[in-house]
Amino acid sequence: MSYAHHLGMTVLDTGPELTRVSLTVSGTGLNMHGSAHGGLIFSLADEAFALISNATAQAVAVETHLSFFRAAREGDELVAVATPERVGRTLATYRVEVRRGAAGEVIALFLGTVSRREKPA
């Protein structure tokens, strides 16, 4: 069982121009304040980032940043929507918006850069 599966993530779309991954916040994903744990939100964004950045190349993260805007609560469906900002030959940067629902408000913004190379044959 993968970490993403363990957390209850579902891949909705995956490709080099758009990747979407969702999860529903459960009681085990809450922090001491009763809202979604920052690590849970980061994990969701990071999964979408990993999928999109490895769609056409072999990629590993070199830098990430996550800003939190709003709290998520138990029962909320969160959707991480990943899109490319710039894809070069050896580096690529992606933007991942974590939304409440498919078209809901942005609760967090993740930016990540990967080192990339051709996939092995």
C-alpha atoms as a PDB file:
ATOM      1  CA  MET A   1       0.000   0.000   0.000  1.00  0.00           C
ATOM      2  CA  SER A   2       1.443   3.369  -0.993  1.00  0.00           C
ATOM      3  CA  TYR A   3       1.526   6.377   1.313  1.00  0.00           C
ATOM      4  CA  ALA A   4      -1.020   8.172  -0.901  1.00  0.00           C
ATOM      5  CA  HIS A   5      -3.378   5.187  -0.779  1.00  0.00           C
ATOM      6  CA  HIS A   6      -2.907   4.956   2.996  1.00  0.00           C
ATOM      7  CA  LEU A   7      -4.055   8.577   3.312  1.00  0.00           C
ATOM      8  CA  GLY A   8      -7.088   7.903   1.095  1.00  0.00           C
ATOM      9  CA  MET A   9      -6.015   9.852  -1.994  1.00  0.00           C
ATOM     10  CA  THR A  10      -7.666   9.323  -5.362  1.00  0.00           C
ATOM     11  CA  VAL A  11      -6.067  10.329  -8.667  1.00  0.00           C
ATOM     12  CA  LEU A  12      -8.741  12.115 -10.725  1.00  0.00           C
ATOM     13  CA  ASP A  13      -6.617  13.175 -13.724  1.00  0.00           C
ATOM     14  CA  THR A  14      -2.961  12.777 -14.535  1.00  0.00           C
ATOM     15  CA  GLY A  15      -0.962  14.239 -17.389  1.00  0.00           C
ATOM     16  CA  PRO A  16       1.787  16.729 -18.185  1.00  0.00           C
ATOM     17  CA  GLU A  17      -0.559  19.750 -18.374  1.00  0.00           C
ATOM     18  CA  LEU A  18      -3.020  18.976 -15.562  1.00  0.00           C
ATOM     19  CA  THR A  19      -3.062  16.567 -12.652  1.00  0.00           C
ATOM     20  CA  ARG A  20      -5.785  16.390 -10.008  1.00  0.00           C
ATOM     21  CA  VAL A  21      -5.703  14.330  -6.799  1.00  0.00           C
ATOM     22  CA  SER A  22      -8.366  14.315  -4.082  1.00  0.00           C
ATOM     23  CA  LEU A  23      -8.925  13.174  -0.541  1.00  0.00           C
ATOM     24  CA  THR A  24     -11.585  13.606   2.112  1.00  0.00           C
ATOM     25  CA  VAL A  25     -10.346  14.870   5.464  1.00  0.00           C
ATOM     26  CA  SER A  26     -11.024  12.246   8.139  1.00  0.00           C
ATOM     27  CA  GLY A  27     -10.658  12.350  11.903  1.00  0.00           C
ATOM     28  CA  THR A  28      -7.211  10.774  11.707  1.00  0.00           C
ATOM     29  CA  GLY A  29      -5.995  13.692   9.565  1.00  0.00           C
ATOM     30  CA  LEU A  30      -6.802  16.426  12.078  1.00  0.00           C
ATOM     31  CA  ASN A  31      -4.428  18.523  14.163  1.00  0.00           C
ATOM     32  CA  MET A  32      -4.907  19.576  17.799  1.00  0.00           C
ATOM     33  CA  HIS A  33      -7.217  22.424  16.707  1.00  0.00           C
ATOM     34  CA  GLY A  34      -9.623  20.131  14.867  1.00  0.00           C
ATOM     35  CA  SER A  35      -8.609  21.263  11.388  1.00  0.00           C
ATOM     36  CA  ALA A  36      -6.737  19.342   8.684  1.00  0.00           C
ATOM     37  CA  HIS A  37      -3.112  18.767   9.631  1.00  0.00           C
ATOM     38  CA  GLY A  38      -0.630  20.758   7.552  1.00  0.00           C
ATOM     39  CA  GLY A  39       1.246  17.554   6.782  1.00  0.00           C
ATOM     40  CA  LEU A  40      -1.914  16.062   5.267  1.00  0.00           C
ATOM     41  CA  ILE A  41      -2.394  19.086   3.019  1.00  0.00           C
ATOM     42  CA  PHE A  42       1.289  19.042   2.057  1.00  0.00           C
ATOM     43  CA  SER A  43       1.100  15.317   1.265  1.00  0.00           C
ATOM     44  CA  LEU A  44      -1.880  15.853  -1.043  1.00  0.00           C
ATOM     45  CA  ALA A  45      -0.133  18.690  -2.907  1.00  0.00           C
ATOM     46  CA  ASP A  46       3.115  16.719  -3.078  1.00  0.00           C
ATOM     47  CA  GLU A  47       1.374  13.699  -4.623  1.00  0.00           C
ATOM     48  CA  ALA A  48      -0.094  15.853  -7.412  1.00  0.00           C
ATOM     49  CA  PHE A  49       3.345  17.473  -7.857  1.00  0.00           C
ATOM     50  CA  ALA A  50       5.059  14.073  -8.094  1.00  0.00           C
ATOM     51  CA  LEU A  51       2.583  12.763 -10.658  1.00  0.00           C
ATOM     52  CA  ILE A  52       2.654  15.781 -12.955  1.00  0.00           C
ATOM     53  CA  SER A  53       6.432  16.215 -12.800  1.00  0.00           C
ATOM     54  CA  ASN A  54       7.043  12.558 -13.670  1.00  0.00           C
ATOM     55  CA  ALA A  55       4.481  12.414 -16.503  1.00  0.00           C
ATOM     56  CA  THR A  56       7.070  12.966 -19.243  1.00  0.00           C
ATOM     57  CA  ALA A  57      10.431  12.720 -17.443  1.00  0.00           C
ATOM     58  CA  GLN A  58      12.165  11.219 -14.442  1.00  0.00           C
ATOM     59  CA  ALA A  59      11.991  13.957 -11.810  1.00  0.00           C
ATOM     60  CA  VAL A  60      13.009  14.554  -8.210  1.00  0.00           C
ATOM     61  CA  ALA A  61      12.105  17.545  -6.083  1.00  0.00           C
ATOM     62  CA  VAL A  62      14.789  20.103  -5.336  1.00  0.00           C
ATOM     63  CA  GLU A  63      12.611  22.732  -3.645  1.00  0.00           C
ATOM     64  CA  THR A  64       9.043  23.112  -2.424  1.00  0.00           C
ATOM     65  CA  HIS A  65       7.030  25.789  -0.658  1.00  0.00           C
ATOM     66  CA  LEU A  66       3.507  25.689   0.767  1.00  0.00           C
ATOM     67  CA  SER A  67       1.395  28.641   1.908  1.00  0.00           C
ATOM     68  CA  PHE A  68      -1.755  28.018   3.958  1.00  0.00           C
ATOM     69  CA  PHE A  69      -4.706  30.377   3.415  1.00  0.00           C
ATOM     70  CA  ARG A  70      -7.705  28.703   5.080  1.00  0.00           C
ATOM     71  CA  ALA A  71      -8.448  25.778   7.371  1.00  0.00           C
ATOM     72  CA  ALA A  72     -10.025  22.548   6.166  1.00  0.00           C
ATOM     73  CA  ARG A  73     -12.303  20.536   8.445  1.00  0.00           C
ATOM     74  CA  GLU A  74     -13.268  16.910   8.863  1.00  0.00           C
ATOM     75  CA  GLY A  75     -15.453  15.816   5.947  1.00  0.00           C
ATOM     76  CA  ASP A  76     -14.077  18.404   3.524  1.00  0.00           C
ATOM     77  CA  GLU A  77     -13.100  17.059   0.114  1.00  0.00           C
ATOM     78  CA  LEU A  78      -9.766  18.559  -0.897  1.00  0.00           C
ATOM     79  CA  VAL A  79      -8.586  18.576  -4.504  1.00  0.00           C
ATOM     80  CA  ALA A  80      -4.983  19.330  -5.468  1.00  0.00           C
ATOM     81  CA  VAL A  81      -4.831  20.836  -8.964  1.00  0.00           C
ATOM     82  CA  ALA A  82      -1.308  20.790 -10.438  1.00  0.00           C
ATOM     83  CA  THR A  83      -0.227  22.719 -13.533  1.00  0.00           C
ATOM     84  CA  PRO A  84       3.182  23.543 -14.999  1.00  0.00           C
ATOM     85  CA  GLU A  85       4.615  27.034 -14.512  1.00  0.00           C
ATOM     86  CA  ARG A  86       7.760  26.405 -16.559  1.00  0.00           C
ATOM     87  CA  VAL A  87       9.193  23.164 -17.913  1.00  0.00           C
ATOM     88  CA  GLY A  88      12.766  23.255 -19.144  1.00  0.00           C
ATOM     89  CA  ARG A  89      15.240  20.585 -20.170  1.00  0.00           C
ATOM     90  CA  THR A  90      16.719  20.018 -16.674  1.00  0.00           C
ATOM     91  CA  LEU A  91      14.446  21.964 -14.308  1.00  0.00           C
ATOM     92  CA  ALA A  92      10.688  22.381 -14.069  1.00  0.00           C
ATOM     93  CA  THR A  93       8.452  24.341 -11.703  1.00  0.00           C
ATOM     94  CA  TYR A  94       4.835  23.428 -10.950  1.00  0.00           C
ATOM     95  CA  ARG A  95       1.975  25.185  -9.190  1.00  0.00           C
ATOM     96  CA  VAL A  96      -0.452  23.148  -7.087  1.00  0.00           C
ATOM     97  CA  GLU A  97      -3.621  24.744  -5.748  1.00  0.00           C
ATOM     98  CA  VAL A  98      -5.286  22.796  -2.949  1.00  0.00           C
ATOM     99  CA  ARG A  99      -8.999  23.559  -3.183  1.00  0.00           C
ATOM    100  CA  ARG A 100     -12.039  22.784  -1.070  1.00  0.00           C
ATOM    101  CA  GLY A 101     -13.965  20.728  -3.617  1.00  0.00           C
ATOM    102  CA  ALA A 102     -13.285  20.563  -7.353  1.00  0.00           C
ATOM    103  CA  ALA A 103     -13.907  24.257  -8.022  1.00  0.00           C
ATOM    104  CA  GLY A 104     -13.951  25.614  -4.466  1.00  0.00           C
ATOM    105  CA  GLU A 105     -11.844  28.170  -2.705  1.00  0.00           C
ATOM    106  CA  VAL A 106      -8.078  27.781  -2.579  1.00  0.00           C
ATOM    107  CA  ILE A 107      -7.018  26.755   0.909  1.00  0.00           C
ATOM    108  CA  ALA A 108      -3.294  26.342   0.168  1.00  0.00           C
ATOM    109  CA  LEU A 109      -0.799  27.069  -2.591  1.00  0.00           C
ATOM    110  CA  PHE A 110       2.195  24.805  -3.248  1.00  0.00           C
ATOM    111  CA  LEU A 111       5.071  25.647  -5.590  1.00  0.00           C
ATOM    112  CA  GLY A 112       7.687  23.046  -6.362  1.00  0.00           C
ATOM    113  CA  THR A 113      10.738  22.696  -8.571  1.00  0.00           C
ATOM    114  CA  VAL A 114      12.177  19.411  -9.819  1.00  0.00           C
ATOM    115  CA  SER A 115      15.395  18.317 -11.415  1.00  0.00           C
ATOM    116  CA  ARG A 116      14.431  16.314 -14.478  1.00  0.00           C
ATOM    117  CA  ARG A 117      15.986  14.006 -17.024  1.00  0.00           C
ATOM    118  CA  GLU A 118      14.770  11.625 -19.686  1.00  0.00           C
ATOM    119  CA  LYS A 119      13.050   8.500 -18.454  1.00  0.00           C
ATOM    120  CA  PRO A 120      15.278   5.414 -18.709  1.00  0.00           C
ATOM    121  CA  ALA A 121      14.487   3.149 -21.655  1.00  0.00           C
END
